[in-house]
């Protein structure tokens, strides 16, 4: 009898870590206008949860570099940039 092989898609550890980071940020964000928005205080709380030594500094830095439209918060596509920023900073 011939063996059939199935390819089971797997999620890499990096993808799983980024998914978990996104969940943390979404949890700390505010839902406004049908979207998640992360203001500086939300970012500070999220980075504190993630174990940042200086969560206020990390929040201000993230907002400065990621808030491309200068709205004062992170939303939409900026959220993925925040996840990449946090992941590249060593948060897992």
PDB file of N, CA and C in Angstrom:
ATOM      1  N   UNK A   1       0.847  -1.166   0.000  1.00  0.00           N
ATOM      2  CA  UNK A   1       0.000   0.000   0.000  1.00  0.00           C
ATOM      3  C   UNK A   1       0.896   1.234   0.000  1.00  0.00           C
ATOM      4  N   UNK A   2       0.609   2.158  -0.851  1.00  0.00           N
ATOM      5  CA  UNK A   2       1.419   3.378  -0.982  1.00  0.00           C
ATOM      6  C   UNK A   2       1.117   4.326   0.171  1.00  0.00           C
ATOM      7  N   UNK A   3       2.177   4.947   0.630  1.00  0.00           N
ATOM      8  CA  UNK A   3       2.012   5.951   1.684  1.00  0.00           C
ATOM      9  C   UNK A   3       1.686   7.293   1.051  1.00  0.00           C
ATOM     10  N   UNK A   4       0.722   7.944   1.591  1.00  0.00           N
ATOM     11  CA  UNK A   4       0.444   9.293   1.109  1.00  0.00           C
ATOM     12  C   UNK A   4       1.114  10.265   2.069  1.00  0.00           C
ATOM     13  N   UNK A   5       1.664  11.284   1.504  1.00  0.00           N
ATOM     14  CA  UNK A   5       2.336  12.260   2.364  1.00  0.00           C
ATOM     15  C   UNK A   5       1.519  13.546   2.378  1.00  0.00           C
ATOM     16  N   UNK A   6       1.417  14.086   3.543  1.00  0.00           N
ATOM     17  CA  UNK A   6       0.701  15.335   3.720  1.00  0.00           C
ATOM     18  C   UNK A   6       1.697  16.381   4.183  1.00  0.00           C
ATOM     19  N   UNK A   7       1.546  17.549   3.641  1.00  0.00           N
ATOM     20  CA  UNK A   7       2.390  18.656   4.082  1.00  0.00           C
ATOM     21  C   UNK A   7       1.568  19.453   5.082  1.00  0.00           C
ATOM     22  N   UNK A   8       2.075  19.503   6.284  1.00  0.00           N
ATOM     23  CA  UNK A   8       1.388  20.234   7.337  1.00  0.00           C
ATOM     24  C   UNK A   8       2.075  21.580   7.484  1.00  0.00           C
ATOM     25  N   UNK A   9       1.337  22.653   7.240  1.00  0.00           N
ATOM     26  CA  UNK A   9       1.972  23.962   7.377  1.00  0.00           C
ATOM     27  C   UNK A   9       2.333  24.227   8.837  1.00  0.00           C
ATOM     28  N   UNK A  10       3.509  24.769   9.032  1.00  0.00           N
ATOM     29  CA  UNK A  10       3.942  25.094  10.383  1.00  0.00           C
ATOM     30  C   UNK A  10       4.240  26.581  10.471  1.00  0.00           C
ATOM     31  N   UNK A  11       4.118  27.087  11.667  1.00  0.00           N
ATOM     32  CA  UNK A  11       4.430  28.485  11.914  1.00  0.00           C
ATOM     33  C   UNK A  11       5.799  28.527  12.565  1.00  0.00           C
ATOM     34  N   UNK A  12       6.661  29.339  12.026  1.00  0.00           N
ATOM     35  CA  UNK A  12       8.002  29.439  12.594  1.00  0.00           C
ATOM     36  C   UNK A  12       7.936  30.088  13.963  1.00  0.00           C
ATOM     37  N   UNK A  13       8.986  29.890  14.739  1.00  0.00           N
ATOM     38  CA  UNK A  13       9.055  30.493  16.070  1.00  0.00           C
ATOM     39  C   UNK A  13       8.967  32.016  15.965  1.00  0.00           C
ATOM     40  N   UNK A  14       9.617  32.595  14.963  1.00  0.00           N
ATOM     41  CA  UNK A  14       9.582  34.055  14.785  1.00  0.00           C
ATOM     42  C   UNK A  14       8.159  34.524  14.514  1.00  0.00           C
ATOM     43  N   UNK A  15       7.457  33.814  13.647  1.00  0.00           N
ATOM     44  CA  UNK A  15       6.075  34.195  13.335  1.00  0.00           C
ATOM     45  C   UNK A  15       5.186  34.086  14.572  1.00  0.00           C
ATOM     46  N   UNK A  16       5.402  33.038  15.349  1.00  0.00           N
ATOM     47  CA  UNK A  16       4.608  32.843  16.567  1.00  0.00           C
ATOM     48  C   UNK A  16       4.897  33.953  17.578  1.00  0.00           C
ATOM     49  N   UNK A  17       6.180  34.304  17.730  1.00  0.00           N
ATOM     50  CA  UNK A  17       6.544  35.381  18.645  1.00  0.00           C
ATOM     51  C   UNK A  17       5.938  36.714  18.219  1.00  0.00           C
ATOM     52  N   UNK A  18       5.971  36.992  16.931  1.00  0.00           N
ATOM     53  CA  UNK A  18       5.387  38.240  16.422  1.00  0.00           C
ATOM     54  C   UNK A  18       3.874  38.258  16.623  1.00  0.00           C
ATOM     55  N   UNK A  19       3.247  37.113  16.474  1.00  0.00           N
ATOM     56  CA  UNK A  19       1.805  37.015  16.691  1.00  0.00           C
ATOM     57  C   UNK A  19       1.491  37.310  18.159  1.00  0.00           C
ATOM     58  N   UNK A  20       2.295  36.769  19.069  1.00  0.00           N
ATOM     59  CA  UNK A  20       2.098  37.018  20.498  1.00  0.00           C
ATOM     60  C   UNK A  20       2.330  38.491  20.837  1.00  0.00           C
ATOM     61  N   UNK A  21       3.349  39.105  20.233  1.00  0.00           N
ATOM     62  CA  UNK A  21       3.595  40.530  20.454  1.00  0.00           C
ATOM     63  C   UNK A  21       2.401  41.348  19.980  1.00  0.00           C
ATOM     64  N   UNK A  22       1.881  41.024  18.831  1.00  0.00           N
ATOM     65  CA  UNK A  22       0.717  41.750  18.300  1.00  0.00           C
ATOM     66  C   UNK A  22      -0.461  41.629  19.261  1.00  0.00           C
ATOM     67  N   UNK A  23      -0.662  40.430  19.801  1.00  0.00           N
ATOM     68  CA  UNK A  23      -1.757  40.225  20.753  1.00  0.00           C
ATOM     69  C   UNK A  23      -1.576  41.094  21.994  1.00  0.00           C
ATOM     70  N   UNK A  24      -0.343  41.199  22.482  1.00  0.00           N
ATOM     71  CA  UNK A  24      -0.073  42.045  23.655  1.00  0.00           C
ATOM     72  C   UNK A  24      -0.422  43.490  23.337  1.00  0.00           C
ATOM     73  N   UNK A  25       0.057  43.988  22.204  1.00  0.00           N
ATOM     74  CA  UNK A  25      -0.212  45.378  21.849  1.00  0.00           C
ATOM     75  C   UNK A  25      -1.706  45.625  21.638  1.00  0.00           C
ATOM     76  N   UNK A  26      -2.390  44.682  21.014  1.00  0.00           N
ATOM     77  CA  UNK A  26      -3.831  44.834  20.820  1.00  0.00           C
ATOM     78  C   UNK A  26      -4.565  44.839  22.155  1.00  0.00           C
ATOM     79  N   UNK A  27      -4.084  44.042  23.094  1.00  0.00           N
ATOM     80  CA  UNK A  27      -4.696  43.980  24.414  1.00  0.00           C
ATOM     81  C   UNK A  27      -4.554  45.310  25.162  1.00  0.00           C
ATOM     82  N   UNK A  28      -3.423  45.980  24.996  1.00  0.00           N
ATOM     83  CA  UNK A  28      -3.184  47.237  25.696  1.00  0.00           C
ATOM     84  C   UNK A  28      -3.707  48.458  24.939  1.00  0.00           C
ATOM     85  N   UNK A  29      -4.079  48.278  23.692  1.00  0.00           N
ATOM     86  CA  UNK A  29      -4.585  49.393  22.903  1.00  0.00           C
ATOM     87  C   UNK A  29      -6.024  49.739  23.240  1.00  0.00           C
ATOM     88  N   UNK A  30      -6.455  50.864  22.712  1.00  0.00           N
ATOM     89  CA  UNK A  30      -7.845  51.313  22.871  1.00  0.00           C
ATOM     90  C   UNK A  30      -8.569  51.076  21.557  1.00  0.00           C
ATOM     91  N   UNK A  31      -9.774  50.568  21.650  1.00  0.00           N
ATOM     92  CA  UNK A  31     -10.571  50.377  20.436  1.00  0.00           C
ATOM     93  C   UNK A  31     -11.364  51.650  20.202  1.00  0.00           C
ATOM     94  N   UNK A  32     -11.034  52.337  19.113  1.00  0.00           N
ATOM     95  CA  UNK A  32     -11.707  53.584  18.750  1.00  0.00           C
ATOM     96  C   UNK A  32     -11.973  53.578  17.251  1.00  0.00           C
ATOM     97  N   UNK A  33     -13.153  53.924  16.888  1.00  0.00           N
ATOM     98  CA  UNK A  33     -13.482  54.004  15.471  1.00  0.00           C
ATOM     99  C   UNK A  33     -13.287  52.697  14.726  1.00  0.00           C
ATOM    100  N   UNK A  34     -13.506  51.578  15.406  1.00  0.00           N
ATOM    101  CA  UNK A  34     -13.376  50.280  14.754  1.00  0.00           C
ATOM    102  C   UNK A  34     -11.953  49.793  14.573  1.00  0.00           C
ATOM    103  N   UNK A  35     -10.989  50.444  15.225  1.00  0.00           N
ATOM    104  CA  UNK A  35      -9.599  50.018  15.110  1.00  0.00           C
ATOM    105  C   UNK A  35      -8.903  50.124  16.465  1.00  0.00           C
ATOM    106  N   UNK A  36      -7.787  49.460  16.568  1.00  0.00           N
ATOM    107  CA  UNK A  36      -6.965  49.530  17.771  1.00  0.00           C
ATOM    108  C   UNK A  36      -6.029  50.726  17.628  1.00  0.00           C
ATOM    109  N   UNK A  37      -5.984  51.552  18.664  1.00  0.00           N
ATOM    110  CA  UNK A  37      -5.063  52.685  18.696  1.00  0.00           C
ATOM    111  C   UNK A  37      -4.211  52.574  19.952  1.00  0.00           C
ATOM    112  N   UNK A  38      -2.925  52.777  19.794  1.00  0.00           N
ATOM    113  CA  UNK A  38      -2.002  52.737  20.924  1.00  0.00           C
ATOM    114  C   UNK A  38      -1.401  54.115  21.130  1.00  0.00           C
ATOM    115  N   UNK A  39      -1.791  54.733  22.232  1.00  0.00           N
ATOM    116  CA  UNK A  39      -1.235  56.023  22.625  1.00  0.00           C
ATOM    117  C   UNK A  39       0.005  55.757  23.488  1.00  0.00           C
ATOM    118  N   UNK A  40       0.728  56.800  23.826  1.00  0.00           N
ATOM    119  CA  UNK A  40       1.973  56.619  24.560  1.00  0.00           C
ATOM    120  C   UNK A  40       1.758  55.870  25.875  1.00  0.00           C
ATOM    121  N   UNK A  41       0.682  56.171  26.605  1.00  0.00           N
ATOM    122  CA  UNK A  41       0.446  55.466  27.873  1.00  0.00           C
ATOM    123  C   UNK A  41       0.144  53.995  27.650  1.00  0.00           C
ATOM    124  N   UNK A  42      -0.561  53.666  26.556  1.00  0.00           N
ATOM    125  CA  UNK A  42      -0.820  52.265  26.224  1.00  0.00           C
ATOM    126  C   UNK A  42       0.480  51.540  25.885  1.00  0.00           C
ATOM    127  N   UNK A  43       1.326  52.223  25.111  1.00  0.00           N
ATOM    128  CA  UNK A  43       2.616  51.642  24.737  1.00  0.00           C
ATOM    129  C   UNK A  43       3.489  51.418  25.965  1.00  0.00           C
ATOM    130  N   UNK A  44       3.495  52.387  26.861  1.00  0.00           N
ATOM    131  CA  UNK A  44       4.284  52.254  28.086  1.00  0.00           C
ATOM    132  C   UNK A  44       3.831  51.024  28.877  1.00  0.00           C
ATOM    133  N   UNK A  45       2.528  50.865  29.039  1.00  0.00           N
ATOM    134  CA  UNK A  45       2.003  49.709  29.775  1.00  0.00           C
ATOM    135  C   UNK A  45       2.338  48.391  29.084  1.00  0.00           C
ATOM    136  N   UNK A  46       2.262  48.372  27.760  1.00  0.00           N
ATOM    137  CA  UNK A  46       2.586  47.158  27.012  1.00  0.00           C
ATOM    138  C   UNK A  46       4.069  46.817  27.151  1.00  0.00           C
ATOM    139  N   UNK A  47       4.932  47.815  27.014  1.00  0.00           N
ATOM    140  CA  UNK A  47       6.363  47.553  27.157  1.00  0.00           C
ATOM    141  C   UNK A  47       6.723  47.179  28.590  1.00  0.00           C
ATOM    142  N   UNK A  48       6.017  47.724  29.551  1.00  0.00           N
ATOM    143  CA  UNK A  48       6.238  47.328  30.945  1.00  0.00           C
ATOM    144  C   UNK A  48       5.880  45.850  31.113  1.00  0.00           C
ATOM    145  N   UNK A  49       4.757  45.440  30.544  1.00  0.00           N
ATOM    146  CA  UNK A  49       4.339  44.040  30.587  1.00  0.00           C
ATOM    147  C   UNK A  49       5.392  43.137  29.934  1.00  0.00           C
ATOM    148  N   UNK A  50       5.979  43.624  28.848  1.00  0.00           N
ATOM    149  CA  UNK A  50       6.989  42.842  28.125  1.00  0.00           C
ATOM    150  C   UNK A  50       8.348  42.830  28.825  1.00  0.00           C
ATOM    151  N   UNK A  51       8.484  43.600  29.902  1.00  0.00           N
ATOM    152  CA  UNK A  51       9.710  43.561  30.681  1.00  0.00           C
ATOM    153  C   UNK A  51      10.735  44.622  30.354  1.00  0.00           C
ATOM    154  N   UNK A  52      10.328  45.694  29.697  1.00  0.00           N
ATOM    155  CA  UNK A  52      11.264  46.770  29.360  1.00  0.00           C
ATOM    156  C   UNK A  52      11.809  47.401  30.637  1.00  0.00           C
ATOM    157  N   UNK A  53      13.100  47.703  30.646  1.00  0.00           N
ATOM    158  CA  UNK A  53      13.711  48.355  31.801  1.00  0.00           C
ATOM    159  C   UNK A  53      13.246  49.795  31.936  1.00  0.00           C
ATOM    160  N   UNK A  54      13.043  50.453  30.810  1.00  0.00           N
ATOM    161  CA  UNK A  54      12.573  51.841  30.791  1.00  0.00           C
ATOM    162  C   UNK A  54      11.370  51.922  29.838  1.00  0.00           C
ATOM    163  N   UNK A  55      10.209  51.437  30.286  1.00  0.00           N
ATOM    164  CA  UNK A  55       9.061  51.353  29.382  1.00  0.00           C
ATOM    165  C   UNK A  55       8.591  52.702  28.849  1.00  0.00           C
ATOM    166  N   UNK A  56       8.730  53.760  29.630  1.00  0.00           N
ATOM    167  CA  UNK A  56       8.334  55.087  29.149  1.00  0.00           C
ATOM    168  C   UNK A  56       9.207  55.548  28.002  1.00  0.00           C
ATOM    169  N   UNK A  57      10.513  55.304  28.119  1.00  0.00           N
ATOM    170  CA  UNK A  57      11.443  55.656  27.050  1.00  0.00           C
ATOM    171  C   UNK A  57      11.162  54.813  25.808  1.00  0.00           C
ATOM    172  N   UNK A  58      10.942  53.527  25.992  1.00  0.00           N
ATOM    173  CA  UNK A  58      10.684  52.632  24.856  1.00  0.00           C
ATOM    174  C   UNK A  58       9.388  53.045  24.146  1.00  0.00           C
ATOM    175  N   UNK A  59       8.378  53.435  24.927  1.00  0.00           N
ATOM    176  CA  UNK A  59       7.108  53.874  24.347  1.00  0.00           C
ATOM    177  C   UNK A  59       7.293  55.144  23.531  1.00  0.00           C
ATOM    178  N   UNK A  60       8.009  56.114  24.093  1.00  0.00           N
ATOM    179  CA  UNK A  60       8.244  57.379  23.391  1.00  0.00           C
ATOM    180  C   UNK A  60       9.045  57.138  22.117  1.00  0.00           C
ATOM    181  N   UNK A  61      10.032  56.274  22.202  1.00  0.00           N
ATOM    182  CA  UNK A  61      10.868  55.954  21.046  1.00  0.00           C
ATOM    183  C   UNK A  61      10.031  55.281  19.950  1.00  0.00           C
ATOM    184  N   UNK A  62       9.216  54.319  20.341  1.00  0.00           N
ATOM    185  CA  UNK A  62       8.369  53.616  19.372  1.00  0.00           C
ATOM    186  C   UNK A  62       7.414  54.588  18.693  1.00  0.00           C
ATOM    187  N   UNK A  63       6.807  55.451  19.481  1.00  0.00           N
ATOM    188  CA  UNK A  63       5.866  56.414  18.914  1.00  0.00           C
ATOM    189  C   UNK A  63       6.561  57.364  17.947  1.00  0.00           C
ATOM    190  N   UNK A  64       7.739  57.819  18.307  1.00  0.00           N
ATOM    191  CA  UNK A  64       8.492  58.753  17.464  1.00  0.00           C
ATOM    192  C   UNK A  64       8.860  58.115  16.115  1.00  0.00           C
ATOM    193  N   UNK A  65       9.258  56.849  16.127  1.00  0.00           N
ATOM    194  CA  UNK A  65       9.711  56.204  14.896  1.00  0.00           C
ATOM    195  C   UNK A  65       8.601  55.567  14.074  1.00  0.00           C
ATOM    196  N   UNK A  66       7.511  55.192  14.715  1.00  0.00           N
ATOM    197  CA  UNK A  66       6.498  54.412  14.009  1.00  0.00           C
ATOM    198  C   UNK A  66       5.267  55.224  13.612  1.00  0.00           C
ATOM    199  N   UNK A  67       4.957  56.262  14.339  1.00  0.00           N
ATOM    200  CA  UNK A  67       3.777  57.077  14.046  1.00  0.00           C
ATOM    201  C   UNK A  67       4.041  57.930  12.802  1.00  0.00           C
ATOM    202  N   UNK A  68       3.953  57.301  11.654  1.00  0.00           N
ATOM    203  CA  UNK A  68       4.338  57.946  10.393  1.00  0.00           C
ATOM    204  C   UNK A  68       3.445  59.133  10.019  1.00  0.00           C
ATOM    205  N   UNK A  69       2.184  59.106  10.422  1.00  0.00           N
ATOM    206  CA  UNK A  69       1.289  60.217  10.071  1.00  0.00           C
ATOM    207  C   UNK A  69       1.213  61.276  11.179  1.00  0.00           C
ATOM    208  N   UNK A  70       2.013  61.093  12.225  1.00  0.00           N
ATOM    209  CA  UNK A  70       2.115  62.054  13.347  1.00  0.00           C
ATOM    210  C   UNK A  70       0.757  62.347  13.991  1.00  0.00           C
ATOM    211  N   UNK A  71      -0.060  61.299  14.108  1.00  0.00           N
ATOM    212  CA  UNK A  71      -1.386  61.432  14.716  1.00  0.00           C
ATOM    213  C   UNK A  71      -1.337  61.418  16.244  1.00  0.00           C
ATOM    214  N   UNK A  72      -0.223  60.965  16.803  1.00  0.00           N
ATOM    215  CA  UNK A  72      -0.105  60.866  18.257  1.00  0.00           C
ATOM    216  C   UNK A  72      -0.407  59.475  18.783  1.00  0.00           C
ATOM    217  N   UNK A  73      -0.672  58.543  17.881  1.00  0.00           N
ATOM    218  CA  UNK A  73      -0.930  57.161  18.267  1.00  0.00           C
ATOM    219  C   UNK A  73      -0.558  56.238  17.112  1.00  0.00           C
ATOM    220  N   UNK A  74      -0.472  54.959  17.426  1.00  0.00           N
ATOM    221  CA  UNK A  74      -0.150  53.932  16.429  1.00  0.00           C
ATOM    222  C   UNK A  74      -1.435  53.196  16.103  1.00  0.00           C
ATOM    223  N   UNK A  75      -1.674  53.015  14.812  1.00  0.00           N
ATOM    224  CA  UNK A  75      -2.893  52.320  14.356  1.00  0.00           C
ATOM    225  C   UNK A  75      -2.660  51.695  12.997  1.00  0.00           C
ATOM    226  N   UNK A  76      -3.577  50.863  12.587  1.00  0.00           N
ATOM    227  CA  UNK A  76      -3.552  50.270  11.251  1.00  0.00           C
ATOM    228  C   UNK A  76      -2.245  49.593  10.906  1.00  0.00           C
ATOM    229  N   UNK A  77      -1.684  49.958   9.766  1.00  0.00           N
ATOM    230  CA  UNK A  77      -0.428  49.353   9.299  1.00  0.00           C
ATOM    231  C   UNK A  77       0.737  49.650  10.227  1.00  0.00           C
ATOM    232  N   UNK A  78       0.627  50.721  10.997  1.00  0.00           N
ATOM    233  CA  UNK A  78       1.684  51.066  11.936  1.00  0.00           C
ATOM    234  C   UNK A  78       1.822  49.997  13.022  1.00  0.00           C
ATOM    235  N   UNK A  79       0.729  49.270  13.300  1.00  0.00           N
ATOM    236  CA  UNK A  79       0.772  48.227  14.316  1.00  0.00           C
ATOM    237  C   UNK A  79       1.751  47.125  13.924  1.00  0.00           C
ATOM    238  N   UNK A  80       1.775  46.751  12.650  1.00  0.00           N
ATOM    239  CA  UNK A  80       2.729  45.728  12.211  1.00  0.00           C
ATOM    240  C   UNK A  80       4.158  46.250  12.335  1.00  0.00           C
ATOM    241  N   UNK A  81       4.362  47.532  12.040  1.00  0.00           N
ATOM    242  CA  UNK A  81       5.686  48.129  12.204  1.00  0.00           C
ATOM    243  C   UNK A  81       6.095  48.111  13.676  1.00  0.00           C
ATOM    244  N   UNK A  82       5.136  48.316  14.581  1.00  0.00           N
ATOM    245  CA  UNK A  82       5.413  48.255  16.012  1.00  0.00           C
ATOM    246  C   UNK A  82       5.834  46.844  16.419  1.00  0.00           C
ATOM    247  N   UNK A  83       5.149  45.858  15.898  1.00  0.00           N
ATOM    248  CA  UNK A  83       5.499  44.462  16.192  1.00  0.00           C
ATOM    249  C   UNK A  83       6.929  44.178  15.724  1.00  0.00           C
ATOM    250  N   UNK A  84       7.266  44.613  14.518  1.00  0.00           N
ATOM    251  CA  UNK A  84       8.622  44.404  13.990  1.00  0.00           C
ATOM    252  C   UNK A  84       9.653  45.142  14.847  1.00  0.00           C
ATOM    253  N   UNK A  85       9.330  46.347  15.271  1.00  0.00           N
ATOM    254  CA  UNK A  85      10.208  47.147  16.124  1.00  0.00           C
ATOM    255  C   UNK A  85      10.469  46.427  17.449  1.00  0.00           C
ATOM    256  N   UNK A  86       9.407  45.935  18.075  1.00  0.00           N
ATOM    257  CA  UNK A  86       9.540  45.251  19.351  1.00  0.00           C
ATOM    258  C   UNK A  86      10.324  43.943  19.179  1.00  0.00           C
ATOM    259  N   UNK A  87      10.023  43.215  18.119  1.00  0.00           N
ATOM    260  CA  UNK A  87      10.715  41.939  17.873  1.00  0.00           C
ATOM    261  C   UNK A  87      12.203  42.177  17.631  1.00  0.00           C
ATOM    262  N   UNK A  88      12.530  43.183  16.835  1.00  0.00           N
ATOM    263  CA  UNK A  88      13.935  43.469  16.542  1.00  0.00           C
ATOM    264  C   UNK A  88      14.673  44.019  17.766  1.00  0.00           C
ATOM    265  N   UNK A  89      13.905  44.515  18.744  1.00  0.00           N
ATOM    266  CA  UNK A  89      14.501  45.006  19.997  1.00  0.00           C
ATOM    267  C   UNK A  89      14.689  43.864  21.004  1.00  0.00           C
ATOM    268  N   UNK A  90      14.298  42.672  20.644  1.00  0.00           N
ATOM    269  CA  UNK A  90      14.533  41.509  21.489  1.00  0.00           C
ATOM    270  C   UNK A  90      13.360  41.060  22.333  1.00  0.00           C
ATOM    271  N   UNK A  91      12.200  41.675  22.162  1.00  0.00           N
ATOM    272  CA  UNK A  91      11.033  41.253  22.928  1.00  0.00           C
ATOM    273  C   UNK A  91      10.430  40.028  22.267  1.00  0.00           C
ATOM    274  N   UNK A  92      10.148  39.029  23.090  1.00  0.00           N
ATOM    275  CA  UNK A  92       9.605  37.767  22.565  1.00  0.00           C
ATOM    276  C   UNK A  92       8.413  37.345  23.388  1.00  0.00           C
TER     277      UNK A  92
END
